[in-house]
Amino acid sequence: MRPALIVLGTGLLLAACSSVILEPAGPIAAKEKQLILISTALMLLVVLPVIILTLFFAIWYRASNTRAHAMPNWAHSNAIEVVVWTVPALIVLALGWLAWTTTHALDPYRPLEETGKPTLEIDVVALDWKWLFIYPEQNIASVNEVAFPIDRPVHFEITSDTVMNSFFIPGLAGQMYAMAGMRTELSLIANRPGTFGGLSANYSGAGFSGMRFTALATSDEEFDAWTRKVAAAGRPLDETAYAELAKTRENSPVVYYAPGDPNLLVNLIKKYRHTPPPEPTGDKGADQVSETPPAAHADH
């Protein structure tokens, strides 16, 4: 009786939950929701019959049921073999086709469809344990808060100045890894105004649980007002400010910088990339080598 109550209670709790992934606010998240639902339905075609038949066999062929017909010498059925091999094979083929088509359609590096509005460029830097957003065109920056207009394509360029993290706004797009010395990309569009939670979906240490940010989808007028508010901060994102910001700190508050540093993302990527040593000079013969071994190139 107790296990049944646990299962029932868990089901009621899950039914009361509202998953933001299933309430998309943009076309990318909507397609991802569709992919999740279709994949789940296809897999349930196998899972549900197995569960139902398992319960049926356990009840019908119990020792006390004298009506169950025992077949001790039964070993093979062509009809059953056809079903148990054909149905899963068809489901695997369908899932494979679905994965292939949606992987290309939802490629985060793929430009979004034209909307008649210019794309908003935002650089993203993962730190311990906070997110830094830089607007190269507006020459501003913010910590743990990002804003963009609705119905306008947004293109994120993402890197890390610490360990690997994963940039994720569940209501608008899928996750994308942030890695030191590398540049990744993510595009999205918000169809409606709102405040959306963002987070790191990759464990990165003690302050991971507080590595969250707020994504503001606003009207064009509200976005302009937000940029003016950030620009009025009067706190430049220079080397001193960045060094202080990069210090390990948990649950960092929202901070604004103006002017920002449009070259910060590129400089951080170069910081982690190895360069070959200079060619040896002097009277060394062709058969002599430099005492300094060549640095190993990172495979990006």
C-alpha atoms as a PDB file:
ATOM      1  CA  MET A   1       0.000   0.000   0.000  1.00  0.00           C
ATOM      2  CA  ARG A   2       2.822   2.386   0.883  1.00  0.00           C
ATOM      3  CA  PRO A   3       4.555   2.157  -2.553  1.00  0.00           C
ATOM      4  CA  ALA A   4       1.241   2.901  -4.249  1.00  0.00           C
ATOM      5  CA  LEU A   5       0.787   6.022  -2.112  1.00  0.00           C
ATOM      6  CA  ILE A   6       4.330   7.159  -2.943  1.00  0.00           C
ATOM      7  CA  VAL A   7       3.713   6.741  -6.668  1.00  0.00           C
ATOM      8  CA  LEU A   8       0.370   8.560  -6.433  1.00  0.00           C
ATOM      9  CA  GLY A   9       1.869  11.413  -4.403  1.00  0.00           C
ATOM     10  CA  THR A  10       4.762  11.806  -6.823  1.00  0.00           C
ATOM     11  CA  GLY A  11       2.356  11.905  -9.755  1.00  0.00           C
ATOM     12  CA  LEU A  12       0.279  14.632  -8.105  1.00  0.00           C
ATOM     13  CA  LEU A  13       3.380  16.711  -7.373  1.00  0.00           C
ATOM     14  CA  LEU A  14       4.590  16.406 -10.943  1.00  0.00           C
ATOM     15  CA  ALA A  15       1.147  17.312 -12.247  1.00  0.00           C
ATOM     16  CA  ALA A  16       1.234  20.502 -10.188  1.00  0.00           C
ATOM     17  CA  CYS A  17       4.610  21.542 -11.586  1.00  0.00           C
ATOM     18  CA  SER A  18       4.846  23.953 -14.502  1.00  0.00           C
ATOM     19  CA  SER A  19       7.852  23.273 -16.698  1.00  0.00           C
ATOM     20  CA  VAL A  20       9.102  26.359 -18.493  1.00  0.00           C
ATOM     21  CA  ILE A  21      10.487  24.116 -21.241  1.00  0.00           C
ATOM     22  CA  LEU A  22       6.915  23.131 -22.103  1.00  0.00           C
ATOM     23  CA  GLU A  23       5.832  26.785 -22.171  1.00  0.00           C
ATOM     24  CA  PRO A  24       8.083  28.212 -24.910  1.00  0.00           C
ATOM     25  CA  ALA A  25       8.199  31.930 -25.636  1.00  0.00           C
ATOM     26  CA  GLY A  26      10.099  31.762 -28.921  1.00  0.00           C
ATOM     27  CA  PRO A  27      10.250  29.738 -32.149  1.00  0.00           C
ATOM     28  CA  ILE A  28      13.455  27.876 -31.204  1.00  0.00           C
ATOM     29  CA  ALA A  29      12.054  26.724 -27.864  1.00  0.00           C
ATOM     30  CA  ALA A  30       8.732  25.833 -29.540  1.00  0.00           C
ATOM     31  CA  LYS A  31      10.475  23.509 -32.011  1.00  0.00           C
ATOM     32  CA  GLU A  32      12.445  21.940 -29.173  1.00  0.00           C
ATOM     33  CA  LYS A  33       9.220  21.337 -27.251  1.00  0.00           C
ATOM     34  CA  GLN A  34       7.744  19.669 -30.335  1.00  0.00           C
ATOM     35  CA  LEU A  35      10.833  17.473 -30.628  1.00  0.00           C
ATOM     36  CA  ILE A  36      10.566  16.415 -26.969  1.00  0.00           C
ATOM     37  CA  LEU A  37       6.871  15.540 -27.277  1.00  0.00           C
ATOM     38  CA  ILE A  38       7.283  13.560 -30.517  1.00  0.00           C
ATOM     39  CA  SER A  39      10.295  11.649 -29.168  1.00  0.00           C
ATOM     40  CA  THR A  40       8.449  10.845 -25.938  1.00  0.00           C
ATOM     41  CA  ALA A  41       5.369   9.628 -27.830  1.00  0.00           C
ATOM     42  CA  LEU A  42       7.465   7.354 -30.069  1.00  0.00           C
ATOM     43  CA  MET A  43       9.258   5.815 -27.103  1.00  0.00           C
ATOM     44  CA  LEU A  44       5.990   5.312 -25.250  1.00  0.00           C
ATOM     45  CA  LEU A  45       4.858   3.059 -28.104  1.00  0.00           C
ATOM     46  CA  VAL A  46       7.305   0.519 -26.675  1.00  0.00           C
ATOM     47  CA  VAL A  47       7.312   1.457 -23.008  1.00  0.00           C
ATOM     48  CA  LEU A  48       3.555   1.419 -22.381  1.00  0.00           C
ATOM     49  CA  PRO A  49       2.849  -2.020 -23.962  1.00  0.00           C
ATOM     50  CA  VAL A  50       5.780  -3.508 -22.028  1.00  0.00           C
ATOM     51  CA  ILE A  51       4.482  -2.118 -18.719  1.00  0.00           C
ATOM     52  CA  ILE A  52       0.895  -3.187 -19.425  1.00  0.00           C
ATOM     53  CA  LEU A  53       1.848  -6.705 -20.563  1.00  0.00           C
ATOM     54  CA  THR A  54       4.189  -7.144 -17.592  1.00  0.00           C
ATOM     55  CA  LEU A  55       1.346  -6.387 -15.195  1.00  0.00           C
ATOM     56  CA  PHE A  56      -1.070  -8.549 -17.205  1.00  0.00           C
ATOM     57  CA  PHE A  57       1.212 -11.597 -17.208  1.00  0.00           C
ATOM     58  CA  ALA A  58       1.994 -11.221 -13.515  1.00  0.00           C
ATOM     59  CA  ILE A  59      -1.715 -11.116 -12.645  1.00  0.00           C
ATOM     60  CA  TRP A  60      -3.083 -13.626 -15.160  1.00  0.00           C
ATOM     61  CA  TYR A  61      -0.429 -16.299 -14.738  1.00  0.00           C
ATOM     62  CA  ARG A  62      -0.338 -16.205 -10.956  1.00  0.00           C
ATOM     63  CA  ALA A  63      -0.276 -19.576  -9.219  1.00  0.00           C
ATOM     64  CA  SER A  64      -3.834 -19.251  -7.915  1.00  0.00           C
ATOM     65  CA  ASN A  65      -5.417 -18.641 -11.341  1.00  0.00           C
ATOM     66  CA  THR A  66      -6.541 -22.036 -12.586  1.00  0.00           C
ATOM     67  CA  ARG A  67      -7.987 -20.550 -15.794  1.00  0.00           C
ATOM     68  CA  ALA A  68      -4.552 -19.593 -17.144  1.00  0.00           C
ATOM     69  CA  HIS A  69      -3.480 -22.045 -19.825  1.00  0.00           C
ATOM     70  CA  ALA A  70       0.068 -23.267 -19.185  1.00  0.00           C
ATOM     71  CA  MET A  71       2.278 -24.118 -22.187  1.00  0.00           C
ATOM     72  CA  PRO A  72       5.438 -25.678 -20.730  1.00  0.00           C
ATOM     73  CA  ASN A  73       6.777 -26.805 -24.125  1.00  0.00           C
ATOM     74  CA  TRP A  74       6.103 -23.528 -25.994  1.00  0.00           C
ATOM     75  CA  ALA A  75       9.276 -21.890 -27.285  1.00  0.00           C
ATOM     76  CA  HIS A  76       8.727 -19.906 -30.511  1.00  0.00           C
ATOM     77  CA  SER A  77       6.178 -17.821 -32.391  1.00  0.00           C
ATOM     78  CA  ASN A  78       6.804 -16.249 -35.790  1.00  0.00           C
ATOM     79  CA  ALA A  79       4.074 -13.676 -35.202  1.00  0.00           C
ATOM     80  CA  ILE A  80       5.626 -12.522 -31.926  1.00  0.00           C
ATOM     81  CA  GLU A  81       9.082 -12.363 -33.494  1.00  0.00           C
ATOM     82  CA  VAL A  82       7.770 -10.144 -36.290  1.00  0.00           C
ATOM     83  CA  VAL A  83       6.155  -7.759 -33.807  1.00  0.00           C
ATOM     84  CA  VAL A  84       9.061  -7.521 -31.341  1.00  0.00           C
ATOM     85  CA  TRP A  85      11.565  -6.818 -34.119  1.00  0.00           C
ATOM     86  CA  THR A  86       9.545  -4.760 -36.597  1.00  0.00           C
ATOM     87  CA  VAL A  87       7.978  -2.256 -34.200  1.00  0.00           C
ATOM     88  CA  PRO A  88      11.235  -1.258 -32.435  1.00  0.00           C
ATOM     89  CA  ALA A  89      13.068  -1.095 -35.783  1.00  0.00           C
ATOM     90  CA  LEU A  90      10.453   1.290 -37.173  1.00  0.00           C
ATOM     91  CA  ILE A  91      10.636   3.441 -34.029  1.00  0.00           C
ATOM     92  CA  VAL A  92      14.438   3.596 -34.202  1.00  0.00           C
ATOM     93  CA  LEU A  93      14.237   4.620 -37.868  1.00  0.00           C
ATOM     94  CA  ALA A  94      11.685   7.319 -37.047  1.00  0.00           C
ATOM     95  CA  LEU A  95      13.784   8.647 -34.160  1.00  0.00           C
ATOM     96  CA  GLY A  96      16.902   8.612 -36.343  1.00  0.00           C
ATOM     97  CA  TRP A  97      15.175  10.592 -39.085  1.00  0.00           C
ATOM     98  CA  LEU A  98      13.776  13.010 -36.502  1.00  0.00           C
ATOM     99  CA  ALA A  99      17.189  13.493 -34.880  1.00  0.00           C
ATOM    100  CA  TRP A 100      18.880  14.071 -38.256  1.00  0.00           C
ATOM    101  CA  THR A 101      16.389  16.659 -39.514  1.00  0.00           C
ATOM    102  CA  THR A 102      15.983  18.572 -36.254  1.00  0.00           C
ATOM    103  CA  THR A 103      19.730  18.616 -35.561  1.00  0.00           C
ATOM    104  CA  HIS A 104      20.239  20.573 -38.771  1.00  0.00           C
ATOM    105  CA  ALA A 105      17.077  22.671 -38.442  1.00  0.00           C
ATOM    106  CA  LEU A 106      17.932  23.685 -34.854  1.00  0.00           C
ATOM    107  CA  ASP A 107      21.664  24.169 -35.404  1.00  0.00           C
ATOM    108  CA  PRO A 108      22.545  27.013 -32.972  1.00  0.00           C
ATOM    109  CA  TYR A 109      25.131  28.337 -35.447  1.00  0.00           C
ATOM    110  CA  ARG A 110      22.540  28.590 -38.195  1.00  0.00           C
ATOM    111  CA  PRO A 111      21.271  32.132 -38.882  1.00  0.00           C
ATOM    112  CA  LEU A 112      17.641  32.726 -37.995  1.00  0.00           C
ATOM    113  CA  GLU A 113      15.009  33.547 -40.562  1.00  0.00           C
ATOM    114  CA  GLU A 114      14.848  37.181 -41.629  1.00  0.00           C
ATOM    115  CA  THR A 115      12.462  39.252 -39.532  1.00  0.00           C
ATOM    116  CA  GLY A 116      13.134  42.653 -41.054  1.00  0.00           C
ATOM    117  CA  LYS A 117      15.001  43.749 -37.925  1.00  0.00           C
ATOM    118  CA  PRO A 118      18.777  43.848 -37.458  1.00  0.00           C
ATOM    119  CA  THR A 119      20.347  41.120 -35.342  1.00  0.00           C
ATOM    120  CA  LEU A 120      21.346  42.143 -31.826  1.00  0.00           C
ATOM    121  CA  GLU A 121      24.873  40.965 -30.997  1.00  0.00           C
ATOM    122  CA  ILE A 122      25.664  40.031 -27.393  1.00  0.00           C
ATOM    123  CA  ASP A 123      28.922  38.572 -26.063  1.00  0.00           C
ATOM    124  CA  VAL A 124      28.652  36.199 -23.114  1.00  0.00           C
ATOM    125  CA  VAL A 125      31.477  35.367 -20.693  1.00  0.00           C
ATOM    126  CA  ALA A 126      31.092  32.704 -18.008  1.00  0.00           C
ATOM    127  CA  LEU A 127      32.902  33.494 -14.755  1.00  0.00           C
ATOM    128  CA  ASP A 128      32.975  32.049 -11.218  1.00  0.00           C
ATOM    129  CA  TRP A 129      29.981  32.135 -10.581  1.00  0.00           C
ATOM    130  CA  LYS A 130      28.316  34.745 -12.677  1.00  0.00           C
ATOM    131  CA  TRP A 131      27.495  35.682 -16.276  1.00  0.00           C
ATOM    132  CA  LEU A 132      28.922  38.763 -17.973  1.00  0.00           C
ATOM    133  CA  PHE A 133      26.999  40.160 -20.964  1.00  0.00           C
ATOM    134  CA  ILE A 134      28.685  42.632 -23.306  1.00  0.00           C
ATOM    135  CA  TYR A 135      26.856  44.671 -25.963  1.00  0.00           C
ATOM    136  CA  PRO A 136      29.531  45.666 -28.542  1.00  0.00           C
ATOM    137  CA  GLU A 137      27.237  47.967 -30.525  1.00  0.00           C
ATOM    138  CA  GLN A 138      25.797  49.740 -27.478  1.00  0.00           C
ATOM    139  CA  ASN A 139      29.202  49.755 -25.688  1.00  0.00           C
ATOM    140  CA  ILE A 140      27.701  48.600 -22.389  1.00  0.00           C
ATOM    141  CA  ALA A 141      27.923  45.483 -20.224  1.00  0.00           C
ATOM    142  CA  SER A 142      25.945  43.870 -17.427  1.00  0.00           C
ATOM    143  CA  VAL A 143      26.342  41.058 -14.916  1.00  0.00           C
ATOM    144  CA  ASN A 144      23.592  38.470 -14.388  1.00  0.00           C
ATOM    145  CA  GLU A 145      21.063  40.442 -16.429  1.00  0.00           C
ATOM    146  CA  VAL A 146      20.551  40.455 -20.187  1.00  0.00           C
ATOM    147  CA  ALA A 147      17.871  42.300 -22.160  1.00  0.00           C
ATOM    148  CA  PHE A 148      16.739  42.174 -25.778  1.00  0.00           C
ATOM    149  CA  PRO A 149      13.681  43.329 -27.781  1.00  0.00           C
ATOM    150  CA  ILE A 150      10.954  40.890 -28.752  1.00  0.00           C
ATOM    151  CA  ASP A 151      10.630  39.767 -32.386  1.00  0.00           C
ATOM    152  CA  ARG A 152      14.271  40.678 -33.020  1.00  0.00           C
ATOM    153  CA  PRO A 153      16.971  38.059 -33.698  1.00  0.00           C
ATOM    154  CA  VAL A 154      19.567  37.822 -30.947  1.00  0.00           C
ATOM    155  CA  HIS A 155      22.983  36.305 -31.608  1.00  0.00           C
ATOM    156  CA  PHE A 156      25.121  35.282 -28.631  1.00  0.00           C
ATOM    157  CA  GLU A 157      28.850  34.639 -28.888  1.00  0.00           C
ATOM    158  CA  ILE A 158      29.884  32.656 -25.827  1.00  0.00           C
ATOM    159  CA  THR A 159      33.175  31.878 -24.089  1.00  0.00           C
ATOM    160  CA  SER A 160      34.471  31.246 -20.571  1.00  0.00           C
ATOM    161  CA  ASP A 161      37.215  32.686 -18.393  1.00  0.00           C
ATOM    162  CA  THR A 162      36.956  29.770 -16.003  1.00  0.00           C
ATOM    163  CA  VAL A 163      35.902  26.120 -16.169  1.00  0.00           C
ATOM    164  CA  MET A 164      33.315  24.888 -18.666  1.00  0.00           C
ATOM    165  CA  ASN A 165      29.741  26.043 -18.128  1.00  0.00           C
ATOM    166  CA  SER A 166      26.528  25.784 -20.118  1.00  0.00           C
ATOM    167  CA  PHE A 167      24.513  28.865 -21.098  1.00  0.00           C
ATOM    168  CA  PHE A 168      20.780  28.076 -20.934  1.00  0.00           C
ATOM    169  CA  ILE A 169      17.541  30.079 -21.140  1.00  0.00           C
ATOM    170  CA  PRO A 170      14.944  27.252 -20.995  1.00  0.00           C
ATOM    171  CA  GLY A 171      11.989  29.301 -22.194  1.00  0.00           C
ATOM    172  CA  LEU A 172      13.737  30.609 -25.308  1.00  0.00           C
ATOM    173  CA  ALA A 173      16.413  28.209 -26.569  1.00  0.00           C
ATOM    174  CA  GLY A 174      18.512  25.185 -25.818  1.00  0.00           C
ATOM    175  CA  GLN A 175      21.777  25.172 -23.919  1.00  0.00           C
ATOM    176  CA  MET A 176      25.204  25.958 -25.355  1.00  0.00           C
ATOM    177  CA  TYR A 177      28.538  25.238 -23.705  1.00  0.00           C
ATOM    178  CA  ALA A 178      30.906  28.026 -22.686  1.00  0.00           C
ATOM    179  CA  MET A 179      34.542  26.882 -22.830  1.00  0.00           C
ATOM    180  CA  ALA A 180      37.791  28.710 -22.207  1.00  0.00           C
ATOM    181  CA  GLY A 181      39.709  29.502 -25.379  1.00  0.00           C
ATOM    182  CA  MET A 182      36.739  28.700 -27.594  1.00  0.00           C
ATOM    183  CA  ARG A 183      33.864  30.632 -29.110  1.00  0.00           C
ATOM    184  CA  THR A 184      30.408  29.055 -29.339  1.00  0.00           C
ATOM    185  CA  GLU A 185      27.234  30.611 -30.693  1.00  0.00           C
ATOM    186  CA  LEU A 186      23.528  30.616 -29.956  1.00  0.00           C
ATOM    187  CA  SER A 187      20.637  32.408 -31.662  1.00  0.00           C
ATOM    188  CA  LEU A 188      17.100  33.022 -30.429  1.00  0.00           C
ATOM    189  CA  ILE A 189      14.016  35.179 -30.805  1.00  0.00           C
ATOM    190  CA  ALA A 190      11.489  36.039 -28.114  1.00  0.00           C
ATOM    191  CA  ASN A 191       7.894  36.182 -29.346  1.00  0.00           C
ATOM    192  CA  ARG A 192       6.408  37.791 -26.269  1.00  0.00           C
ATOM    193  CA  PRO A 193       7.618  40.106 -23.511  1.00  0.00           C
ATOM    194  CA  GLY A 194       8.510  38.614 -20.190  1.00  0.00           C
ATOM    195  CA  THR A 195      11.158  37.854 -17.611  1.00  0.00           C
ATOM    196  CA  PHE A 196      12.865  34.517 -18.115  1.00  0.00           C
ATOM    197  CA  GLY A 197      15.228  32.658 -15.856  1.00  0.00           C
ATOM    198  CA  GLY A 198      18.667  31.732 -17.162  1.00  0.00           C
ATOM    199  CA  LEU A 199      21.221  29.431 -15.613  1.00  0.00           C
ATOM    200  CA  SER A 200      24.315  27.340 -16.043  1.00  0.00           C
ATOM    201  CA  ALA A 201      23.292  23.770 -16.883  1.00  0.00           C
ATOM    202  CA  ASN A 202      26.777  22.364 -16.269  1.00  0.00           C
ATOM    203  CA  TYR A 203      28.131  21.851 -12.742  1.00  0.00           C
ATOM    204  CA  SER A 204      31.099  24.142 -12.177  1.00  0.00           C
ATOM    205  CA  GLY A 205      31.855  24.149  -8.472  1.00  0.00           C
ATOM    206  CA  ALA A 206      30.579  25.334  -5.114  1.00  0.00           C
ATOM    207  CA  GLY A 207      28.756  28.422  -6.417  1.00  0.00           C
ATOM    208  CA  PHE A 208      27.042  26.586  -9.279  1.00  0.00           C
ATOM    209  CA  SER A 209      23.557  26.741  -7.735  1.00  0.00           C
ATOM    210  CA  GLY A 210      23.690  30.543  -7.655  1.00  0.00           C
ATOM    211  CA  MET A 211      24.993  30.948 -11.208  1.00  0.00           C
ATOM    212  CA  ARG A 212      21.704  32.284 -12.503  1.00  0.00           C
ATOM    213  CA  PHE A 213      20.709  35.354 -14.476  1.00  0.00           C
ATOM    214  CA  THR A 214      17.604  37.178 -15.642  1.00  0.00           C
ATOM    215  CA  ALA A 215      16.686  37.500 -19.323  1.00  0.00           C
ATOM    216  CA  LEU A 216      14.380  40.433 -20.101  1.00  0.00           C
ATOM    217  CA  ALA A 217      12.359  40.296 -23.332  1.00  0.00           C
ATOM    218  CA  THR A 218      11.011  43.813 -23.846  1.00  0.00           C
ATOM    219  CA  SER A 219       9.556  46.169 -26.408  1.00  0.00           C
ATOM    220  CA  ASP A 220      11.943  48.278 -28.483  1.00  0.00           C
ATOM    221  CA  GLU A 221      11.203  51.318 -26.332  1.00  0.00           C
ATOM    222  CA  GLU A 222      11.801  49.435 -23.088  1.00  0.00           C
ATOM    223  CA  PHE A 223      15.055  48.007 -24.449  1.00  0.00           C
ATOM    224  CA  ASP A 224      16.271  51.491 -25.350  1.00  0.00           C
ATOM    225  CA  ALA A 225      15.367  52.655 -21.847  1.00  0.00           C
ATOM    226  CA  TRP A 226      17.284  49.710 -20.361  1.00  0.00           C
ATOM    227  CA  THR A 227      20.399  50.494 -22.401  1.00  0.00           C
ATOM    228  CA  ARG A 228      20.239  54.127 -21.273  1.00  0.00           C
ATOM    229  CA  LYS A 229      19.966  52.987 -17.660  1.00  0.00           C
ATOM    230  CA  VAL A 230      23.026  50.763 -18.034  1.00  0.00           C
ATOM    231  CA  ALA A 231      24.944  53.516 -19.862  1.00  0.00           C
ATOM    232  CA  ALA A 232      24.225  55.877 -16.974  1.00  0.00           C
ATOM    233  CA  ALA A 233      26.077  53.549 -14.590  1.00  0.00           C
ATOM    234  CA  GLY A 234      29.326  55.341 -15.390  1.00  0.00           C
ATOM    235  CA  ARG A 235      31.449  52.364 -14.364  1.00  0.00           C
ATOM    236  CA  PRO A 236      33.891  51.439 -17.154  1.00  0.00           C
ATOM    237  CA  LEU A 237      34.740  47.792 -17.732  1.00  0.00           C
ATOM    238  CA  ASP A 238      38.486  48.352 -17.729  1.00  0.00           C
ATOM    239  CA  GLU A 239      41.233  45.948 -16.642  1.00  0.00           C
ATOM    240  CA  THR A 240      40.859  46.866 -12.978  1.00  0.00           C
ATOM    241  CA  ALA A 241      37.083  46.451 -12.992  1.00  0.00           C
ATOM    242  CA  TYR A 242      37.302  43.134 -14.852  1.00  0.00           C
ATOM    243  CA  ALA A 243      39.966  41.777 -12.497  1.00  0.00           C
ATOM    244  CA  GLU A 244      37.710  42.582  -9.559  1.00  0.00           C
ATOM    245  CA  LEU A 245      34.690  41.074 -11.302  1.00  0.00           C
ATOM    246  CA  ALA A 246      36.556  37.868 -12.189  1.00  0.00           C
ATOM    247  CA  LYS A 247      37.312  37.125  -8.538  1.00  0.00           C
ATOM    248  CA  THR A 248      35.540  34.056  -7.213  1.00  0.00           C
ATOM    249  CA  ARG A 249      32.246  35.159  -5.704  1.00  0.00           C
ATOM    250  CA  GLU A 250      28.945  33.342  -5.147  1.00  0.00           C
ATOM    251  CA  ASN A 251      25.462  34.773  -5.748  1.00  0.00           C
ATOM    252  CA  SER A 252      26.749  37.924  -7.440  1.00  0.00           C
ATOM    253  CA  PRO A 253      24.297  40.842  -7.760  1.00  0.00           C
ATOM    254  CA  VAL A 254      23.371  42.602 -10.990  1.00  0.00           C
ATOM    255  CA  VAL A 255      26.061  45.110 -11.984  1.00  0.00           C
ATOM    256  CA  TYR A 256      26.161  47.533 -14.928  1.00  0.00           C
ATOM    257  CA  TYR A 257      29.228  48.785 -16.816  1.00  0.00           C
ATOM    258  CA  ALA A 258      29.565  51.660 -19.264  1.00  0.00           C
ATOM    259  CA  PRO A 259      31.516  51.825 -21.407  1.00  0.00           C
ATOM    260  CA  GLY A 260      31.885  48.095 -21.946  1.00  0.00           C
ATOM    261  CA  ASP A 261      34.795  46.312 -23.583  1.00  0.00           C
ATOM    262  CA  PRO A 262      33.846  45.171 -27.135  1.00  0.00           C
ATOM    263  CA  ASN A 263      37.168  43.333 -27.523  1.00  0.00           C
ATOM    264  CA  LEU A 264      36.997  41.394 -24.254  1.00  0.00           C
ATOM    265  CA  LEU A 265      35.622  38.162 -25.742  1.00  0.00           C
ATOM    266  CA  VAL A 266      38.265  38.024 -28.482  1.00  0.00           C
ATOM    267  CA  ASN A 267      41.044  38.795 -26.011  1.00  0.00           C
ATOM    268  CA  LEU A 268      39.867  36.062 -23.644  1.00  0.00           C
ATOM    269  CA  ILE A 269      39.877  33.508 -26.458  1.00  0.00           C
ATOM    270  CA  LYS A 270      43.430  34.513 -27.425  1.00  0.00           C
ATOM    271  CA  LYS A 271      44.460  34.298 -23.785  1.00  0.00           C
ATOM    272  CA  TYR A 272      43.893  30.539 -23.706  1.00  0.00           C
ATOM    273  CA  ARG A 273      45.265  29.709 -27.136  1.00  0.00           C
ATOM    274  CA  HIS A 274      48.852  28.539 -27.521  1.00  0.00           C
ATOM    275  CA  THR A 275      51.165  30.128 -30.072  1.00  0.00           C
ATOM    276  CA  PRO A 276      54.237  28.464 -31.570  1.00  0.00           C
ATOM    277  CA  PRO A 277      57.657  29.604 -30.313  1.00  0.00           C
ATOM    278  CA  PRO A 278      59.712  31.977 -32.484  1.00  0.00           C
ATOM    279  CA  GLU A 279      61.931  30.497 -35.127  1.00  0.00           C
ATOM    280  CA  PRO A 280      65.535  29.927 -33.898  1.00  0.00           C
ATOM    281  CA  THR A 281      68.023  32.586 -35.005  1.00  0.00           C
ATOM    282  CA  GLY A 282      71.813  32.885 -35.015  1.00  0.00           C
ATOM    283  CA  ASP A 283      74.476  30.532 -36.364  1.00  0.00           C
ATOM    284  CA  LYS A 284      72.729  27.273 -35.477  1.00  0.00           C
ATOM    285  CA  GLY A 285      73.042  24.630 -38.136  1.00  0.00           C
ATOM    286  CA  ALA A 286      70.075  23.223 -39.970  1.00  0.00           C
ATOM    287  CA  ASP A 287      70.361  20.041 -37.916  1.00  0.00           C
ATOM    288  CA  GLN A 288      70.108  21.917 -34.607  1.00  0.00           C
ATOM    289  CA  VAL A 289      66.810  22.598 -32.858  1.00  0.00           C
ATOM    290  CA  SER A 290      65.646  25.164 -30.389  1.00  0.00           C
ATOM    291  CA  GLU A 291      65.987  24.291 -26.708  1.00  0.00           C
ATOM    292  CA  THR A 292      62.377  25.281 -26.190  1.00  0.00           C
ATOM    293  CA  PRO A 293      60.015  22.558 -27.454  1.00  0.00           C
ATOM    294  CA  PRO A 294      57.168  23.768 -29.656  1.00  0.00           C
ATOM    295  CA  ALA A 295      53.941  24.335 -27.781  1.00  0.00           C
ATOM    296  CA  ALA A 296      51.103  21.953 -28.465  1.00  0.00           C
ATOM    297  CA  HIS A 297      48.359  23.599 -30.459  1.00  0.00           C
ATOM    298  CA  ALA A 298      44.877  23.349 -28.982  1.00  0.00           C
ATOM    299  CA  ASP A 299      42.503  21.583 -31.294  1.00  0.00           C
ATOM    300  CA  HIS A 300      39.567  23.920 -31.715  1.00  0.00           C
END
